[in-house]
Amino acid sequence: ILSNRSEWTFYFSKVFNLILQSTKNIIYSSSVKYNDLIECAYIGGRNYENLILSNVDFIKIIKDEEKDISEEKSWKERMKDWFKSMFKR
């Protein structure tokens, strides 16, 4: 059990560095999957997100996975849909 703040900080930095190293391994691997890219962007933050989006192969993987996702509706369209759903009942 970790008893003081410095032990927690040391432990956290070790774990965080291991996670970042594993995300680097995923990004530089030859068989990257969509979920791996999402996880790397989430863990690595803006820098990893930019790294992923600057790679043509990764963009293709993302576009192939997200091709069925429609554009987000505007707030006016969402309000219209909400009102329609309220009066259908």
PDB file of N, CA and C in Angstrom:
ATOM      1  N   ILE A   1       0.854  -1.174   0.000  1.00  0.00           N
ATOM      2  CA  ILE A   1       0.000   0.000   0.000  1.00  0.00           C
ATOM      3  C   ILE A   1       0.898   1.235   0.000  1.00  0.00           C
ATOM      4  N   LEU A   2       0.490   2.213  -0.811  1.00  0.00           N
ATOM      5  CA  LEU A   2       1.253   3.451  -0.900  1.00  0.00           C
ATOM      6  C   LEU A   2       0.826   4.379   0.228  1.00  0.00           C
ATOM      7  N   SER A   3       1.825   4.880   0.951  1.00  0.00           N
ATOM      8  CA  SER A   3       1.494   5.604   2.175  1.00  0.00           C
ATOM      9  C   SER A   3       1.609   7.114   2.068  1.00  0.00           C
ATOM     10  N   ASN A   4       2.390   7.615   1.138  1.00  0.00           N
ATOM     11  CA  ASN A   4       2.498   9.070   1.075  1.00  0.00           C
ATOM     12  C   ASN A   4       2.381   9.578  -0.354  1.00  0.00           C
ATOM     13  N   ARG A   5       2.340  10.868  -0.452  1.00  0.00           N
ATOM     14  CA  ARG A   5       2.084  11.506  -1.746  1.00  0.00           C
ATOM     15  C   ARG A   5       3.198  11.218  -2.758  1.00  0.00           C
ATOM     16  N   SER A   6       4.439  11.234  -2.338  1.00  0.00           N
ATOM     17  CA  SER A   6       5.540  10.999  -3.279  1.00  0.00           C
ATOM     18  C   SER A   6       5.493   9.581  -3.852  1.00  0.00           C
ATOM     19  N   GLU A   7       5.088   8.619  -3.041  1.00  0.00           N
ATOM     20  CA  GLU A   7       4.947   7.253  -3.550  1.00  0.00           C
ATOM     21  C   GLU A   7       3.828   7.175  -4.589  1.00  0.00           C
ATOM     22  N   TRP A   8       2.720   7.860  -4.321  1.00  0.00           N
ATOM     23  CA  TRP A   8       1.615   7.895  -5.280  1.00  0.00           C
ATOM     24  C   TRP A   8       2.048   8.558  -6.578  1.00  0.00           C
ATOM     25  N   THR A   9       2.769   9.682  -6.470  1.00  0.00           N
ATOM     26  CA  THR A   9       3.234  10.395  -7.655  1.00  0.00           C
ATOM     27  C   THR A   9       4.172   9.526  -8.475  1.00  0.00           C
ATOM     28  N   PHE A  10       5.097   8.856  -7.798  1.00  0.00           N
ATOM     29  CA  PHE A  10       6.033   7.972  -8.488  1.00  0.00           C
ATOM     30  C   PHE A  10       5.284   6.842  -9.191  1.00  0.00           C
ATOM     31  N   TYR A  11       4.366   6.210  -8.474  1.00  0.00           N
ATOM     32  CA  TYR A  11       3.591   5.101  -9.039  1.00  0.00           C
ATOM     33  C   TYR A  11       2.772   5.576 -10.237  1.00  0.00           C
ATOM     34  N   PHE A  12       2.097   6.711 -10.092  1.00  0.00           N
ATOM     35  CA  PHE A  12       1.266   7.236 -11.170  1.00  0.00           C
ATOM     36  C   PHE A  12       2.107   7.550 -12.405  1.00  0.00           C
ATOM     37  N   SER A  13       3.273   8.170 -12.221  1.00  0.00           N
ATOM     38  CA  SER A  13       4.121   8.508 -13.367  1.00  0.00           C
ATOM     39  C   SER A  13       4.616   7.246 -14.070  1.00  0.00           C
ATOM     40  N   LYS A  14       4.933   6.204 -13.305  1.00  0.00           N
ATOM     41  CA  LYS A  14       5.360   4.933 -13.903  1.00  0.00           C
ATOM     42  C   LYS A  14       4.245   4.323 -14.746  1.00  0.00           C
ATOM     43  N   VAL A  15       3.044   4.283 -14.179  1.00  0.00           N
ATOM     44  CA  VAL A  15       1.897   3.701 -14.895  1.00  0.00           C
ATOM     45  C   VAL A  15       1.588   4.516 -16.142  1.00  0.00           C
ATOM     46  N   PHE A  16       1.587   5.840 -16.003  1.00  0.00           N
ATOM     47  CA  PHE A  16       1.294   6.709 -17.139  1.00  0.00           C
ATOM     48  C   PHE A  16       2.322   6.517 -18.257  1.00  0.00           C
ATOM     49  N   ASN A  17       3.590   6.418 -17.903  1.00  0.00           N
ATOM     50  CA  ASN A  17       4.630   6.197 -18.914  1.00  0.00           C
ATOM     51  C   ASN A  17       4.463   4.849 -19.608  1.00  0.00           C
ATOM     52  N   LEU A  18       4.055   3.835 -18.870  1.00  0.00           N
ATOM     53  CA  LEU A  18       3.789   2.525 -19.492  1.00  0.00           C
ATOM     54  C   LEU A  18       2.627   2.602 -20.471  1.00  0.00           C
ATOM     55  N   ILE A  19       1.593   3.332 -20.099  1.00  0.00           N
ATOM     56  CA  ILE A  19       0.437   3.498 -20.989  1.00  0.00           C
ATOM     57  C   ILE A  19       0.842   4.243 -22.257  1.00  0.00           C
ATOM     58  N   LEU A  20       1.599   5.330 -22.105  1.00  0.00           N
ATOM     59  CA  LEU A  20       2.051   6.077 -23.280  1.00  0.00           C
ATOM     60  C   LEU A  20       2.936   5.220 -24.174  1.00  0.00           C
ATOM     61  N   GLN A  21       3.787   4.411 -23.592  1.00  0.00           N
ATOM     62  CA  GLN A  21       4.644   3.536 -24.387  1.00  0.00           C
ATOM     63  C   GLN A  21       3.812   2.518 -25.161  1.00  0.00           C
ATOM     64  N   SER A  22       2.781   1.979 -24.532  1.00  0.00           N
ATOM     65  CA  SER A  22       1.937   1.006 -25.239  1.00  0.00           C
ATOM     66  C   SER A  22       1.169   1.674 -26.368  1.00  0.00           C
ATOM     67  N   THR A  23       0.757   2.935 -26.182  1.00  0.00           N
ATOM     68  CA  THR A  23       0.067   3.627 -27.282  1.00  0.00           C
ATOM     69  C   THR A  23       1.034   3.921 -28.416  1.00  0.00           C
ATOM     70  N   LYS A  24       2.278   4.219 -28.114  1.00  0.00           N
ATOM     71  CA  LYS A  24       3.272   4.407 -29.178  1.00  0.00           C
ATOM     72  C   LYS A  24       3.443   3.118 -29.963  1.00  0.00           C
ATOM     73  N   ASN A  25       3.488   2.001 -29.259  1.00  0.00           N
ATOM     74  CA  ASN A  25       3.630   0.710 -29.931  1.00  0.00           C
ATOM     75  C   ASN A  25       2.452   0.444 -30.857  1.00  0.00           C
ATOM     76  N   ILE A  26       1.264   0.820 -30.437  1.00  0.00           N
ATOM     77  CA  ILE A  26       0.075   0.633 -31.276  1.00  0.00           C
ATOM     78  C   ILE A  26       0.180   1.495 -32.520  1.00  0.00           C
ATOM     79  N   ILE A  27       0.525   2.762 -32.345  1.00  0.00           N
ATOM     80  CA  ILE A  27       0.577   3.686 -33.479  1.00  0.00           C
ATOM     81  C   ILE A  27       1.618   3.256 -34.504  1.00  0.00           C
ATOM     82  N   TYR A  28       2.742   2.744 -34.052  1.00  0.00           N
ATOM     83  CA  TYR A  28       3.808   2.360 -34.976  1.00  0.00           C
ATOM     84  C   TYR A  28       3.717   0.906 -35.418  1.00  0.00           C
ATOM     85  N   SER A  29       2.644   0.249 -35.070  1.00  0.00           N
ATOM     86  CA  SER A  29       2.457  -1.135 -35.483  1.00  0.00           C
ATOM     87  C   SER A  29       1.936  -1.185 -36.919  1.00  0.00           C
ATOM     88  N   SER A  30       2.065  -2.333 -37.546  1.00  0.00           N
ATOM     89  CA  SER A  30       1.623  -2.462 -38.940  1.00  0.00           C
ATOM     90  C   SER A  30       0.151  -2.850 -39.054  1.00  0.00           C
ATOM     91  N   SER A  31      -0.455  -3.274 -37.974  1.00  0.00           N
ATOM     92  CA  SER A  31      -1.863  -3.680 -38.026  1.00  0.00           C
ATOM     93  C   SER A  31      -2.669  -2.888 -36.995  1.00  0.00           C
ATOM     94  N   VAL A  32      -2.995  -1.670 -37.349  1.00  0.00           N
ATOM     95  CA  VAL A  32      -3.715  -0.788 -36.443  1.00  0.00           C
ATOM     96  C   VAL A  32      -5.206  -0.883 -36.724  1.00  0.00           C
ATOM     97  N   LYS A  33      -6.000  -0.922 -35.668  1.00  0.00           N
ATOM     98  CA  LYS A  33      -7.456  -0.974 -35.792  1.00  0.00           C
ATOM     99  C   LYS A  33      -8.047   0.350 -35.314  1.00  0.00           C
ATOM    100  N   TYR A  34      -9.265   0.604 -35.726  1.00  0.00           N
ATOM    101  CA  TYR A  34      -9.964   1.841 -35.385  1.00  0.00           C
ATOM    102  C   TYR A  34     -10.018   2.061 -33.877  1.00  0.00           C
ATOM    103  N   ASN A  35     -10.397   1.040 -33.127  1.00  0.00           N
ATOM    104  CA  ASN A  35     -10.505   1.179 -31.668  1.00  0.00           C
ATOM    105  C   ASN A  35      -9.156   1.500 -31.026  1.00  0.00           C
ATOM    106  N   ASP A  36      -8.075   0.976 -31.611  1.00  0.00           N
ATOM    107  CA  ASP A  36      -6.738   1.310 -31.113  1.00  0.00           C
ATOM    108  C   ASP A  36      -6.450   2.794 -31.298  1.00  0.00           C
ATOM    109  N   LEU A  37      -6.838   3.329 -32.444  1.00  0.00           N
ATOM    110  CA  LEU A  37      -6.605   4.752 -32.716  1.00  0.00           C
ATOM    111  C   LEU A  37      -7.407   5.629 -31.766  1.00  0.00           C
ATOM    112  N   ILE A  38      -8.649   5.249 -31.514  1.00  0.00           N
ATOM    113  CA  ILE A  38      -9.495   6.016 -30.596  1.00  0.00           C
ATOM    114  C   ILE A  38      -8.876   5.997 -29.197  1.00  0.00           C
ATOM    115  N   GLU A  39      -8.429   4.837 -28.756  1.00  0.00           N
ATOM    116  CA  GLU A  39      -7.824   4.717 -27.436  1.00  0.00           C
ATOM    117  C   GLU A  39      -6.548   5.549 -27.333  1.00  0.00           C
ATOM    118  N   CYS A  40      -5.721   5.500 -28.372  1.00  0.00           N
ATOM    119  CA  CYS A  40      -4.479   6.275 -28.363  1.00  0.00           C
ATOM    120  C   CYS A  40      -4.760   7.772 -28.317  1.00  0.00           C
ATOM    121  N   ALA A  41      -5.730   8.218 -29.077  1.00  0.00           N
ATOM    122  CA  ALA A  41      -6.068   9.646 -29.075  1.00  0.00           C
ATOM    123  C   ALA A  41      -6.593  10.063 -27.713  1.00  0.00           C
ATOM    124  N   TYR A  42      -7.365   9.200 -27.086  1.00  0.00           N
ATOM    125  CA  TYR A  42      -7.919   9.515 -25.763  1.00  0.00           C
ATOM    126  C   TYR A  42      -6.815   9.591 -24.705  1.00  0.00           C
ATOM    127  N   ILE A  43      -5.943   8.614 -24.706  1.00  0.00           N
ATOM    128  CA  ILE A  43      -4.888   8.554 -23.694  1.00  0.00           C
ATOM    129  C   ILE A  43      -3.801   9.593 -23.967  1.00  0.00           C
ATOM    130  N   GLY A  44      -3.388   9.712 -25.218  1.00  0.00           N
ATOM    131  CA  GLY A  44      -2.270  10.577 -25.557  1.00  0.00           C
ATOM    132  C   GLY A  44      -2.607  12.046 -25.686  1.00  0.00           C
ATOM    133  N   GLY A  45      -3.888  12.354 -25.754  1.00  0.00           N
ATOM    134  CA  GLY A  45      -4.283  13.758 -25.829  1.00  0.00           C
ATOM    135  C   GLY A  45      -4.083  14.356 -27.200  1.00  0.00           C
ATOM    136  N   ARG A  46      -3.999  15.664 -27.228  1.00  0.00           N
ATOM    137  CA  ARG A  46      -3.941  16.435 -28.472  1.00  0.00           C
ATOM    138  C   ARG A  46      -2.738  16.036 -29.336  1.00  0.00           C
ATOM    139  N   ASN A  47      -1.591  15.775 -28.730  1.00  0.00           N
ATOM    140  CA  ASN A  47      -0.408  15.424 -29.523  1.00  0.00           C
ATOM    141  C   ASN A  47      -0.600  14.117 -30.288  1.00  0.00           C
ATOM    142  N   TYR A  48      -1.158  13.121 -29.626  1.00  0.00           N
ATOM    143  CA  TYR A  48      -1.394  11.848 -30.306  1.00  0.00           C
ATOM    144  C   TYR A  48      -2.516  11.978 -31.332  1.00  0.00           C
ATOM    145  N   GLU A  49      -3.514  12.772 -31.012  1.00  0.00           N
ATOM    146  CA  GLU A  49      -4.598  12.992 -31.967  1.00  0.00           C
ATOM    147  C   GLU A  49      -4.040  13.618 -33.250  1.00  0.00           C
ATOM    148  N   ASN A  50      -3.174  14.614 -33.101  1.00  0.00           N
ATOM    149  CA  ASN A  50      -2.556  15.239 -34.276  1.00  0.00           C
ATOM    150  C   ASN A  50      -1.674  14.261 -35.033  1.00  0.00           C
ATOM    151  N   LEU A  51      -0.953  13.420 -34.310  1.00  0.00           N
ATOM    152  CA  LEU A  51      -0.115  12.401 -34.938  1.00  0.00           C
ATOM    153  C   LEU A  51      -0.973  11.435 -35.759  1.00  0.00           C
ATOM    154  N   ILE A  52      -2.073  11.024 -35.194  1.00  0.00           N
ATOM    155  CA  ILE A  52      -2.978  10.095 -35.889  1.00  0.00           C
ATOM    156  C   ILE A  52      -3.579  10.753 -37.122  1.00  0.00           C
ATOM    157  N   LEU A  53      -4.044  11.990 -36.977  1.00  0.00           N
ATOM    158  CA  LEU A  53      -4.712  12.669 -38.094  1.00  0.00           C
ATOM    159  C   LEU A  53      -3.750  13.138 -39.174  1.00  0.00           C
ATOM    160  N   SER A  54      -2.461  13.078 -38.919  1.00  0.00           N
ATOM    161  CA  SER A  54      -1.489  13.457 -39.947  1.00  0.00           C
ATOM    162  C   SER A  54      -1.032  12.254 -40.772  1.00  0.00           C
ATOM    163  N   ASN A  55      -1.552  11.083 -40.455  1.00  0.00           N
ATOM    164  CA  ASN A  55      -1.173   9.859 -41.153  1.00  0.00           C
ATOM    165  C   ASN A  55      -2.291   9.449 -42.104  1.00  0.00           C
ATOM    166  N   VAL A  56      -1.976   9.363 -43.386  1.00  0.00           N
ATOM    167  CA  VAL A  56      -2.975   9.056 -44.414  1.00  0.00           C
ATOM    168  C   VAL A  56      -3.623   7.689 -44.181  1.00  0.00           C
ATOM    169  N   ASP A  57      -2.840   6.710 -43.771  1.00  0.00           N
ATOM    170  CA  ASP A  57      -3.386   5.369 -43.539  1.00  0.00           C
ATOM    171  C   ASP A  57      -4.383   5.373 -42.378  1.00  0.00           C
ATOM    172  N   PHE A  58      -4.067   6.125 -41.329  1.00  0.00           N
ATOM    173  CA  PHE A  58      -4.971   6.205 -40.181  1.00  0.00           C
ATOM    174  C   PHE A  58      -6.257   6.931 -40.548  1.00  0.00           C
ATOM    175  N   ILE A  59      -6.146   7.972 -41.363  1.00  0.00           N
ATOM    176  CA  ILE A  59      -7.343   8.696 -41.796  1.00  0.00           C
ATOM    177  C   ILE A  59      -8.252   7.761 -42.590  1.00  0.00           C
ATOM    178  N   LYS A  60      -7.660   6.917 -43.424  1.00  0.00           N
ATOM    179  CA  LYS A  60      -8.462   5.957 -44.188  1.00  0.00           C
ATOM    180  C   LYS A  60      -9.189   4.985 -43.249  1.00  0.00           C
ATOM    181  N   ILE A  61      -8.498   4.496 -42.225  1.00  0.00           N
ATOM    182  CA  ILE A  61      -9.120   3.592 -41.248  1.00  0.00           C
ATOM    183  C   ILE A  61     -10.287   4.290 -40.560  1.00  0.00           C
ATOM    184  N   ILE A  62     -10.089   5.535 -40.175  1.00  0.00           N
ATOM    185  CA  ILE A  62     -11.136   6.296 -39.486  1.00  0.00           C
ATOM    186  C   ILE A  62     -12.315   6.546 -40.413  1.00  0.00           C
ATOM    187  N   LYS A  63     -12.043   6.978 -41.639  1.00  0.00           N
ATOM    188  CA  LYS A  63     -13.129   7.251 -42.585  1.00  0.00           C
ATOM    189  C   LYS A  63     -13.925   6.000 -42.911  1.00  0.00           C
ATOM    190  N   ASP A  64     -13.231   4.869 -43.069  1.00  0.00           N
ATOM    191  CA  ASP A  64     -13.932   3.608 -43.352  1.00  0.00           C
ATOM    192  C   ASP A  64     -14.867   3.223 -42.204  1.00  0.00           C
ATOM    193  N   GLU A  65     -14.425   3.464 -40.985  1.00  0.00           N
ATOM    194  CA  GLU A  65     -15.237   3.096 -39.821  1.00  0.00           C
ATOM    195  C   GLU A  65     -16.387   4.067 -39.591  1.00  0.00           C
ATOM    196  N   GLU A  66     -16.178   5.337 -39.897  1.00  0.00           N
ATOM    197  CA  GLU A  66     -17.166   6.362 -39.578  1.00  0.00           C
ATOM    198  C   GLU A  66     -18.001   6.809 -40.779  1.00  0.00           C
ATOM    199  N   LYS A  67     -17.966   6.056 -41.867  1.00  0.00           N
ATOM    200  CA  LYS A  67     -18.679   6.483 -43.077  1.00  0.00           C
ATOM    201  C   LYS A  67     -20.191   6.495 -42.902  1.00  0.00           C
ATOM    202  N   ASP A  68     -20.718   5.711 -41.970  1.00  0.00           N
ATOM    203  CA  ASP A  68     -22.164   5.662 -41.769  1.00  0.00           C
ATOM    204  C   ASP A  68     -22.659   6.658 -40.730  1.00  0.00           C
ATOM    205  N   ILE A  69     -21.754   7.409 -40.150  1.00  0.00           N
ATOM    206  CA  ILE A  69     -22.156   8.394 -39.146  1.00  0.00           C
ATOM    207  C   ILE A  69     -22.626   9.646 -39.871  1.00  0.00           C
ATOM    208  N   SER A  70     -23.833  10.050 -39.565  1.00  0.00           N
ATOM    209  CA  SER A  70     -24.367  11.240 -40.232  1.00  0.00           C
ATOM    210  C   SER A  70     -23.854  12.496 -39.538  1.00  0.00           C
ATOM    211  N   GLU A  71     -23.976  13.609 -40.253  1.00  0.00           N
ATOM    212  CA  GLU A  71     -23.563  14.878 -39.672  1.00  0.00           C
ATOM    213  C   GLU A  71     -24.427  15.227 -38.481  1.00  0.00           C
ATOM    214  N   GLU A  72     -23.842  15.901 -37.528  1.00  0.00           N
ATOM    215  CA  GLU A  72     -24.589  16.294 -36.341  1.00  0.00           C
ATOM    216  C   GLU A  72     -25.626  17.345 -36.724  1.00  0.00           C
ATOM    217  N   LYS A  73     -26.805  17.199 -36.167  1.00  0.00           N
ATOM    218  CA  LYS A  73     -27.872  18.141 -36.460  1.00  0.00           C
ATOM    219  C   LYS A  73     -27.655  19.449 -35.705  1.00  0.00           C
ATOM    220  N   SER A  74     -28.176  20.523 -36.287  1.00  0.00           N
ATOM    221  CA  SER A  74     -28.099  21.810 -35.604  1.00  0.00           C
ATOM    222  C   SER A  74     -29.064  21.798 -34.422  1.00  0.00           C
ATOM    223  N   TRP A  75     -28.924  22.762 -33.539  1.00  0.00           N
ATOM    224  CA  TRP A  75     -29.801  22.813 -32.366  1.00  0.00           C
ATOM    225  C   TRP A  75     -31.244  23.040 -32.783  1.00  0.00           C
ATOM    226  N   LYS A  76     -31.464  23.767 -33.875  1.00  0.00           N
ATOM    227  CA  LYS A  76     -32.839  23.986 -34.353  1.00  0.00           C
ATOM    228  C   LYS A  76     -33.469  22.667 -34.813  1.00  0.00           C
ATOM    229  N   GLU A  77     -32.689  21.876 -35.549  1.00  0.00           N
ATOM    230  CA  GLU A  77     -33.202  20.582 -36.011  1.00  0.00           C
ATOM    231  C   GLU A  77     -33.464  19.649 -34.841  1.00  0.00           C
ATOM    232  N   ARG A  78     -32.601  19.664 -33.843  1.00  0.00           N
ATOM    233  CA  ARG A  78     -32.812  18.825 -32.670  1.00  0.00           C
ATOM    234  C   ARG A  78     -34.063  19.248 -31.907  1.00  0.00           C
ATOM    235  N   MET A  79     -34.303  20.561 -31.806  1.00  0.00           N
ATOM    236  CA  MET A  79     -35.504  21.053 -31.128  1.00  0.00           C
ATOM    237  C   MET A  79     -36.764  20.645 -31.892  1.00  0.00           C
ATOM    238  N   LYS A  80     -36.721  20.741 -33.215  1.00  0.00           N
ATOM    239  CA  LYS A  80     -37.866  20.319 -34.037  1.00  0.00           C
ATOM    240  C   LYS A  80     -38.169  18.846 -33.789  1.00  0.00           C
ATOM    241  N   ASP A  81     -37.127  18.023 -33.832  1.00  0.00           N
ATOM    242  CA  ASP A  81     -37.308  16.589 -33.603  1.00  0.00           C
ATOM    243  C   ASP A  81     -37.869  16.321 -32.215  1.00  0.00           C
ATOM    244  N   TRP A  82     -37.399  17.075 -31.241  1.00  0.00           N
ATOM    245  CA  TRP A  82     -37.870  16.890 -29.878  1.00  0.00           C
ATOM    246  C   TRP A  82     -39.350  17.243 -29.767  1.00  0.00           C
ATOM    247  N   PHE A  83     -39.749  18.387 -30.381  1.00  0.00           N
ATOM    248  CA  PHE A  83     -41.161  18.773 -30.338  1.00  0.00           C
ATOM    249  C   PHE A  83     -42.037  17.750 -31.060  1.00  0.00           C
ATOM    250  N   LYS A  84     -41.582  17.266 -32.193  1.00  0.00           N
ATOM    251  CA  LYS A  84     -42.348  16.252 -32.917  1.00  0.00           C
ATOM    252  C   LYS A  84     -42.523  14.996 -32.062  1.00  0.00           C
ATOM    253  N   SER A  85     -41.470  14.615 -31.381  1.00  0.00           N
ATOM    254  CA  SER A  85     -41.558  13.404 -30.554  1.00  0.00           C
ATOM    255  C   SER A  85     -42.505  13.610 -29.374  1.00  0.00           C
ATOM    256  N   MET A  86     -42.609  14.834 -28.872  1.00  0.00           N
ATOM    257  CA  MET A  86     -43.505  15.117 -27.743  1.00  0.00           C
ATOM    258  C   MET A  86     -44.966  15.021 -28.153  1.00  0.00           C
ATOM    259  N   PHE A  87     -45.285  15.410 -29.396  1.00  0.00           N
ATOM    260  CA  PHE A  87     -46.681  15.414 -29.832  1.00  0.00           C
ATOM    261  C   PHE A  87     -47.110  14.086 -30.465  1.00  0.00           C
ATOM    262  N   LYS A  88     -46.197  13.186 -30.688  1.00  0.00           N
ATOM    263  CA  LYS A  88     -46.550  11.873 -31.239  1.00  0.00           C
ATOM    264  C   LYS A  88     -47.194  10.984 -30.204  1.00  0.00           C
ATOM    265  N   ARG A  89     -46.992  11.273 -28.970  1.00  0.00           N
ATOM    266  CA  ARG A  89     -47.480  10.391 -27.893  1.00  0.00           C
ATOM    267  C   ARG A  89     -48.940  10.429 -27.739  1.00  0.00           C
TER     268      ARG A  89
END
